[in-house]
């Protein structure tokens, strides 16, 4: 919808879901999800945010972004896989203390 009225304007993730509250108040999972969403490209992030955070239907998202419904569905599916992979790889990371050099 925004695209039709403001063809040259861009929508950032923070505009779509608001600013991230203080990290002290959020569980680690929520922070990891927010960071992973920020790493997605716009063509995958926007349909995902519109579907899950703004509760828009596939049809509404397709109309707003001027793309076919099937494309919306496949982009959301790909975005979910990318988020899953990103979050899984973050869990595998282990912080190892740096050894002192002799």
C-alpha atoms as a PDB file:
ATOM      1  CA  UNK A   1       0.000   0.000   0.000  1.00  0.00           C
ATOM      2  CA  UNK A   2       2.840   2.307   0.877  1.00  0.00           C
ATOM      3  CA  UNK A   3       4.498   1.482  -2.418  1.00  0.00           C
ATOM      4  CA  UNK A   4       1.527   2.709  -4.427  1.00  0.00           C
ATOM      5  CA  UNK A   5       1.294   6.066  -2.665  1.00  0.00           C
ATOM      6  CA  UNK A   6       5.017   6.749  -2.246  1.00  0.00           C
ATOM      7  CA  UNK A   7       6.842   5.091  -5.109  1.00  0.00           C
ATOM      8  CA  UNK A   8      10.276   6.390  -4.090  1.00  0.00           C
ATOM      9  CA  UNK A   9      10.043   5.841  -0.334  1.00  0.00           C
ATOM     10  CA  UNK A  10      11.705   2.899   1.392  1.00  0.00           C
ATOM     11  CA  UNK A  11      10.391   1.027   4.397  1.00  0.00           C
ATOM     12  CA  UNK A  12      12.902  -0.141   6.955  1.00  0.00           C
ATOM     13  CA  UNK A  13      12.433  -3.049   9.301  1.00  0.00           C
ATOM     14  CA  UNK A  14      12.333  -0.730  12.304  1.00  0.00           C
ATOM     15  CA  UNK A  15       9.522   1.254  10.635  1.00  0.00           C
ATOM     16  CA  UNK A  16       7.560  -1.951  10.145  1.00  0.00           C
ATOM     17  CA  UNK A  17       7.896  -3.472  13.621  1.00  0.00           C
ATOM     18  CA  UNK A  18       9.057  -0.545  15.719  1.00  0.00           C
ATOM     19  CA  UNK A  19      12.291   0.039  17.540  1.00  0.00           C
ATOM     20  CA  UNK A  20      13.816  -2.824  19.424  1.00  0.00           C
ATOM     21  CA  UNK A  21      13.301  -2.260  23.151  1.00  0.00           C
ATOM     22  CA  UNK A  22      16.248  -2.346  25.485  1.00  0.00           C
ATOM     23  CA  UNK A  23      18.138  -5.601  25.101  1.00  0.00           C
ATOM     24  CA  UNK A  24      18.002  -6.111  28.861  1.00  0.00           C
ATOM     25  CA  UNK A  25      14.218  -6.549  28.672  1.00  0.00           C
ATOM     26  CA  UNK A  26      14.170  -9.047  25.796  1.00  0.00           C
ATOM     27  CA  UNK A  27      14.993 -12.749  25.825  1.00  0.00           C
ATOM     28  CA  UNK A  28      18.016 -13.800  23.800  1.00  0.00           C
ATOM     29  CA  UNK A  29      15.746 -15.517  21.261  1.00  0.00           C
ATOM     30  CA  UNK A  30      13.910 -12.272  20.485  1.00  0.00           C
ATOM     31  CA  UNK A  31      17.168 -10.385  20.014  1.00  0.00           C
ATOM     32  CA  UNK A  32      18.526 -13.130  17.746  1.00  0.00           C
ATOM     33  CA  UNK A  33      15.319 -13.097  15.688  1.00  0.00           C
ATOM     34  CA  UNK A  34      15.417  -9.309  15.295  1.00  0.00           C
ATOM     35  CA  UNK A  35      19.057  -9.426  14.198  1.00  0.00           C
ATOM     36  CA  UNK A  36      18.376 -12.270  11.767  1.00  0.00           C
ATOM     37  CA  UNK A  37      15.419 -10.397  10.262  1.00  0.00           C
ATOM     38  CA  UNK A  38      17.694  -7.407   9.773  1.00  0.00           C
ATOM     39  CA  UNK A  39      20.067  -9.529   7.697  1.00  0.00           C
ATOM     40  CA  UNK A  40      17.390 -10.581   5.197  1.00  0.00           C
ATOM     41  CA  UNK A  41      17.133  -8.676   1.949  1.00  0.00           C
ATOM     42  CA  UNK A  42      14.006  -6.515   1.490  1.00  0.00           C
ATOM     43  CA  UNK A  43      12.345  -8.856  -0.996  1.00  0.00           C
ATOM     44  CA  UNK A  44      12.223 -11.578   1.669  1.00  0.00           C
ATOM     45  CA  UNK A  45      11.960  -9.444   4.810  1.00  0.00           C
ATOM     46  CA  UNK A  46       8.978  -7.288   3.766  1.00  0.00           C
ATOM     47  CA  UNK A  47       6.537 -10.134   3.008  1.00  0.00           C
ATOM     48  CA  UNK A  48       7.626 -11.865   6.227  1.00  0.00           C
ATOM     49  CA  UNK A  49       7.088  -8.780   8.370  1.00  0.00           C
ATOM     50  CA  UNK A  50       3.782  -7.925   6.709  1.00  0.00           C
ATOM     51  CA  UNK A  51       2.503 -11.475   7.212  1.00  0.00           C
ATOM     52  CA  UNK A  52       3.679 -12.173  10.768  1.00  0.00           C
ATOM     53  CA  UNK A  53       3.832  -8.726  12.374  1.00  0.00           C
ATOM     54  CA  UNK A  54       1.068  -6.855  10.530  1.00  0.00           C
ATOM     55  CA  UNK A  55      -1.188  -9.920  10.094  1.00  0.00           C
ATOM     56  CA  UNK A  56      -1.828  -9.233   6.406  1.00  0.00           C
ATOM     57  CA  UNK A  57      -3.094 -11.989   4.125  1.00  0.00           C
ATOM     58  CA  UNK A  58      -1.086 -13.303   1.190  1.00  0.00           C
ATOM     59  CA  UNK A  59      -3.494 -11.484  -1.148  1.00  0.00           C
ATOM     60  CA  UNK A  60      -3.070  -8.163   0.708  1.00  0.00           C
ATOM     61  CA  UNK A  61       0.707  -8.482   0.627  1.00  0.00           C
ATOM     62  CA  UNK A  62       0.637  -9.379  -3.070  1.00  0.00           C
ATOM     63  CA  UNK A  63      -1.504  -6.318  -3.812  1.00  0.00           C
ATOM     64  CA  UNK A  64       0.670  -4.020  -1.696  1.00  0.00           C
ATOM     65  CA  UNK A  65       3.941  -5.219  -3.244  1.00  0.00           C
ATOM     66  CA  UNK A  66       2.450  -5.669  -6.713  1.00  0.00           C
ATOM     67  CA  UNK A  67       3.624  -9.266  -7.049  1.00  0.00           C
ATOM     68  CA  UNK A  68       1.736 -12.552  -7.561  1.00  0.00           C
ATOM     69  CA  UNK A  69       0.354 -14.412  -4.522  1.00  0.00           C
ATOM     70  CA  UNK A  70       2.559 -17.415  -5.320  1.00  0.00           C
ATOM     71  CA  UNK A  71       5.631 -15.187  -5.170  1.00  0.00           C
ATOM     72  CA  UNK A  72       4.576 -13.916  -1.744  1.00  0.00           C
ATOM     73  CA  UNK A  73       4.164 -17.478  -0.520  1.00  0.00           C
ATOM     74  CA  UNK A  74       7.530 -18.622  -1.865  1.00  0.00           C
ATOM     75  CA  UNK A  75       9.360 -15.561  -0.486  1.00  0.00           C
ATOM     76  CA  UNK A  76       7.884 -16.135   2.964  1.00  0.00           C
ATOM     77  CA  UNK A  77       8.867 -19.814   2.798  1.00  0.00           C
ATOM     78  CA  UNK A  78      12.416 -18.908   1.731  1.00  0.00           C
ATOM     79  CA  UNK A  79      12.647 -16.222   4.420  1.00  0.00           C
ATOM     80  CA  UNK A  80      11.556 -18.727   7.065  1.00  0.00           C
ATOM     81  CA  UNK A  81      14.250 -21.149   5.914  1.00  0.00           C
ATOM     82  CA  UNK A  82      16.884 -18.400   5.929  1.00  0.00           C
ATOM     83  CA  UNK A  83      15.842 -17.344   9.436  1.00  0.00           C
ATOM     84  CA  UNK A  84      15.889 -20.943  10.618  1.00  0.00           C
ATOM     85  CA  UNK A  85      19.377 -21.493   9.207  1.00  0.00           C
ATOM     86  CA  UNK A  86      20.611 -18.195  10.627  1.00  0.00           C
ATOM     87  CA  UNK A  87      19.238 -18.897  14.089  1.00  0.00           C
ATOM     88  CA  UNK A  88      20.567 -22.446  14.063  1.00  0.00           C
ATOM     89  CA  UNK A  89      24.067 -21.257  13.146  1.00  0.00           C
ATOM     90  CA  UNK A  90      23.958 -18.651  15.924  1.00  0.00           C
ATOM     91  CA  UNK A  91      23.182 -21.383  18.446  1.00  0.00           C
ATOM     92  CA  UNK A  92      26.184 -23.400  17.289  1.00  0.00           C
ATOM     93  CA  UNK A  93      28.546 -20.500  17.908  1.00  0.00           C
ATOM     94  CA  UNK A  94      30.488 -20.869  21.106  1.00  0.00           C
ATOM     95  CA  UNK A  95      32.425 -18.132  22.738  1.00  0.00           C
ATOM     96  CA  UNK A  96      35.812 -19.394  23.770  1.00  0.00           C
ATOM     97  CA  UNK A  97      37.939 -17.207  26.028  1.00  0.00           C
ATOM     98  CA  UNK A  98      41.118 -16.002  24.378  1.00  0.00           C
ATOM     99  CA  UNK A  99      44.229 -17.700  25.699  1.00  0.00           C
ATOM    100  CA  UNK A 100      47.041 -15.577  26.898  1.00  0.00           C
ATOM    101  CA  UNK A 101      50.068 -15.583  24.625  1.00  0.00           C
ATOM    102  CA  UNK A 102      53.416 -16.581  26.142  1.00  0.00           C
END
